[in-house]
C-alpha atoms as a PDB file:
ATOM      1  CA  MET A   1      -0.231   0.339  -0.073  1.00  0.00           C
ATOM      2  CA  THR A   2       1.147   3.371  -0.992  1.00  0.00           C
ATOM      3  CA  MET A   3       0.860   6.620   1.546  1.00  0.00           C
ATOM      4  CA  ALA A   4       0.016   9.789  -0.206  1.00  0.00           C
ATOM      5  CA  THR A   5       2.698  12.914   0.497  1.00  0.00           C
ATOM      6  CA  PRO A   6       1.561  15.546   2.378  1.00  0.00           C
ATOM      7  CA  GLU A   7       1.431  17.616  -0.672  1.00  0.00           C
ATOM      8  CA  GLY A   8      -0.539  14.400  -2.001  1.00  0.00           C
ATOM      9  CA  LYS A   9      -3.477  14.545   0.398  1.00  0.00           C
ATOM     10  CA  ILE A  10      -3.692  18.109  -0.354  1.00  0.00           C
ATOM     11  CA  LYS A  11      -4.751  17.612  -3.971  1.00  0.00           C
ATOM     12  CA  THR A  12      -6.822  14.369  -3.316  1.00  0.00           C
ATOM     13  CA  ALA A  13      -9.093  17.163  -0.922  1.00  0.00           C
ATOM     14  CA  LEU A  14      -8.767  19.831  -2.796  1.00  0.00           C
ATOM     15  CA  ASP A  15      -9.692  17.351  -6.284  1.00  0.00           C
ATOM     16  CA  ARG A  16     -12.728  16.247  -4.033  1.00  0.00           C
ATOM     17  CA  MET A  17     -13.738  19.951  -3.130  1.00  0.00           C
ATOM     18  CA  LEU A  18     -13.640  21.303  -6.749  1.00  0.00           C
ATOM     19  CA  LYS A  19     -15.334  17.889  -8.036  1.00  0.00           C
ATOM     20  CA  ALA A  20     -18.212  18.638  -5.051  1.00  0.00           C
ATOM     21  CA  GLU A  21     -18.719  22.390  -6.298  1.00  0.00           C
ATOM     22  CA  ARG A  22     -18.810  20.794 -10.037  1.00  0.00           C
ATOM     23  CA  VAL A  23     -15.748  22.475 -11.154  1.00  0.00           C
ATOM     24  CA  TRP A  24     -14.031  21.924 -14.617  1.00  0.00           C
ATOM     25  CA  PHE A  25     -10.405  20.960 -13.538  1.00  0.00           C
ATOM     26  CA  TYR A  26      -7.430  19.020 -14.536  1.00  0.00           C
ATOM     27  CA  PRO A  27      -3.889  19.134 -13.243  1.00  0.00           C
ATOM     28  CA  PRO A  28      -1.670  20.080 -16.120  1.00  0.00           C
ATOM     29  CA  GLN A  29       1.367  18.181 -17.530  1.00  0.00           C
ATOM     30  CA  ALA A  30       4.179  17.786 -15.120  1.00  0.00           C
ATOM     31  CA  GLY A  31       7.523  16.858 -16.572  1.00  0.00           C
ATOM     32  CA  PRO A  32       9.684  17.095 -19.980  1.00  0.00           C
ATOM     33  CA  PHE A  33       6.034  17.216 -21.598  1.00  0.00           C
ATOM     34  CA  GLY A  34       4.494  20.176 -19.463  1.00  0.00           C
ATOM     35  CA  SER A  35       5.408  23.956 -19.203  1.00  0.00           C
ATOM     36  CA  ALA A  36       7.194  24.396 -15.706  1.00  0.00           C
ATOM     37  CA  GLY A  37       5.490  26.744 -13.385  1.00  0.00           C
ATOM     38  CA  ILE A  38       2.230  25.767 -14.356  1.00  0.00           C
ATOM     39  CA  PRO A  39      -0.265  25.958 -11.109  1.00  0.00           C
ATOM     40  CA  ASP A  40      -0.910  22.344 -10.034  1.00  0.00           C
ATOM     41  CA  ARG A  41      -4.805  22.441 -10.654  1.00  0.00           C
ATOM     42  CA  VAL A  42      -6.282  24.845 -13.408  1.00  0.00           C
ATOM     43  CA  ALA A  43     -10.012  25.005 -13.579  1.00  0.00           C
ATOM     44  CA  VAL A  44     -12.743  27.513 -15.187  1.00  0.00           C
ATOM     45  CA  VAL A  45     -15.482  28.835 -12.382  1.00  0.00           C
ATOM     46  CA  GLU A  46     -18.210  30.772 -14.404  1.00  0.00           C
ATOM     47  CA  GLY A  47     -15.632  31.847 -17.445  1.00  0.00           C
ATOM     48  CA  LEU A  48     -13.012  32.642 -14.929  1.00  0.00           C
ATOM     49  CA  PHE A  49      -9.604  30.955 -15.591  1.00  0.00           C
ATOM     50  CA  LEU A  50      -8.589  29.698 -11.788  1.00  0.00           C
ATOM     51  CA  GLY A  51      -4.686  28.132 -11.178  1.00  0.00           C
ATOM     52  CA  ILE A  52      -4.193  26.666  -7.960  1.00  0.00           C
ATOM     53  CA  GLU A  53      -0.945  25.668  -6.750  1.00  0.00           C
ATOM     54  CA  CYS A  54      -0.812  23.292  -3.856  1.00  0.00           C
ATOM     55  CA  LYS A  55       1.975  23.236  -0.832  1.00  0.00           C
ATOM     56  CA  ALA A  56       2.454  20.383   1.570  1.00  0.00           C
ATOM     57  CA  ASP A  57       1.752  22.639   4.444  1.00  0.00           C
ATOM     58  CA  ALA A  58       2.574  26.520   4.983  1.00  0.00           C
ATOM     59  CA  THR A  59       6.188  26.634   5.332  1.00  0.00           C
ATOM     60  CA  LYS A  60       6.453  25.316   1.339  1.00  0.00           C
ATOM     61  CA  LYS A  61       6.305  28.404  -0.822  1.00  0.00           C
ATOM     62  CA  PRO A  62       6.135  28.538  -4.321  1.00  0.00           C
ATOM     63  CA  THR A  63       9.108  29.235  -6.470  1.00  0.00           C
ATOM     64  CA  ALA A  64      10.231  31.801  -8.400  1.00  0.00           C
ATOM     65  CA  LEU A  65       8.279  30.475 -12.322  1.00  0.00           C
ATOM     66  CA  GLN A  66       5.713  29.362 -10.102  1.00  0.00           C
ATOM     67  CA  ILE A  67       5.087  32.843  -8.601  1.00  0.00           C
ATOM     68  CA  LYS A  68       5.516  34.464 -11.905  1.00  0.00           C
ATOM     69  CA  CYS A  69       3.314  32.338 -13.697  1.00  0.00           C
ATOM     70  CA  MET A  70       0.743  32.897 -11.157  1.00  0.00           C
ATOM     71  CA  ALA A  71       1.732  36.781 -11.813  1.00  0.00           C
ATOM     72  CA  ASP A  72       1.069  36.334 -15.544  1.00  0.00           C
ATOM     73  CA  ILE A  73      -2.276  34.584 -14.988  1.00  0.00           C
ATOM     74  CA  GLU A  74      -3.670  37.042 -13.014  1.00  0.00           C
ATOM     75  CA  ALA A  75      -2.414  40.616 -15.447  1.00  0.00           C
ATOM     76  CA  ALA A  76      -4.523  38.072 -18.083  1.00  0.00           C
ATOM     77  CA  GLY A  77      -7.661  38.112 -15.511  1.00  0.00           C
ATOM     78  CA  GLY A  78      -7.300  35.002 -14.069  1.00  0.00           C
ATOM     79  CA  LYS A  79      -7.146  34.336 -10.137  1.00  0.00           C
ATOM     80  CA  CYS A  80      -4.476  31.645  -8.516  1.00  0.00           C
ATOM     81  CA  PHE A  81      -4.244  30.281  -5.127  1.00  0.00           C
ATOM     82  CA  VAL A  82      -1.797  28.888  -3.228  1.00  0.00           C
ATOM     83  CA  VAL A  83      -3.060  25.747  -0.812  1.00  0.00           C
ATOM     84  CA  TYR A  84      -1.909  23.687   1.812  1.00  0.00           C
ATOM     85  CA  ASP A  85      -4.878  22.888   4.240  1.00  0.00           C
ATOM     86  CA  LYS A  86      -8.366  23.192   4.591  1.00  0.00           C
ATOM     87  CA  ALA A  87      -8.962  26.671   5.836  1.00  0.00           C
ATOM     88  CA  THR A  88      -6.953  27.413   2.200  1.00  0.00           C
ATOM     89  CA  ILE A  89      -9.655  24.997   0.209  1.00  0.00           C
ATOM     90  CA  GLU A  90     -12.208  26.434   2.171  1.00  0.00           C
ATOM     91  CA  GLN A  91     -11.309  29.728   0.482  1.00  0.00           C
ATOM     92  CA  VAL A  92     -10.588  28.779  -2.901  1.00  0.00           C
ATOM     93  CA  ARG A  93     -14.555  27.674  -2.298  1.00  0.00           C
ATOM     94  CA  GLU A  94     -15.544  30.929  -1.078  1.00  0.00           C
ATOM     95  CA  TRP A  95     -14.284  32.391  -4.116  1.00  0.00           C
ATOM     96  CA  ILE A  96     -16.048  29.503  -6.729  1.00  0.00           C
ATOM     97  CA  HIS A  97     -19.139  30.861  -4.370  1.00  0.00           C
ATOM     98  CA  ALA A  98     -18.749  34.575  -4.879  1.00  0.00           C
ATOM     99  CA  CYS A  99     -18.409  33.830  -9.027  1.00  0.00           C
ATOM    100  CA  ARG A 100     -21.610  32.292  -8.563  1.00  0.00           C
ATOM    101  CA  ARG A 101     -23.279  34.995  -6.973  1.00  0.00           C
ATOM    102  CA  VAL A 102     -21.931  37.080  -9.202  1.00  0.00           C
ATOM    103  CA  ARG A 103     -22.995  35.597 -12.283  1.00  0.00           C
ATOM    104  CA  GLU A 104     -26.242  35.614 -10.878  1.00  0.00           C
ATOM    105  CA  GLY A 105     -26.538  38.846 -10.077  1.00  0.00           C
ATOM    106  CA  ARG A 106     -26.547  38.710  -6.219  1.00  0.00           C
ATOM    107  CA  GLY A 107     -23.117  40.631  -5.809  1.00  0.00           C
ATOM    108  CA  PRO A 108     -20.244  39.414  -4.250  1.00  0.00           C
ATOM    109  CA  GLN A 109     -21.148  39.826  -0.943  1.00  0.00           C
ATOM    110  CA  THR A 110     -25.342  38.590  -0.650  1.00  0.00           C
ATOM    111  CA  GLU A 111     -26.442  34.583  -0.430  1.00  0.00           C
END
């Protein structure tokens, strides 16, 4: 039986949340056939591009290349998050809900 890495556990928890929220997402190809710096998960929420970088815990920081890629995504109108625990995954869920409220014309703060 293989044990999931700490980062792998975060990815699994994130994937479960995204599926529960019915968000289209995928994990980009890593390694020699992928592009360096791309977030661990990319998604589309209400027509907005979302990049999510997963880390094992709060002490792990994105690399310079990851930071640049996330800045480029946000400069192009997308949104990026770094997640490393339940609370940071919940921030992504809250952003998803806010996007849906805006799309439905209920504003970012109202339920």
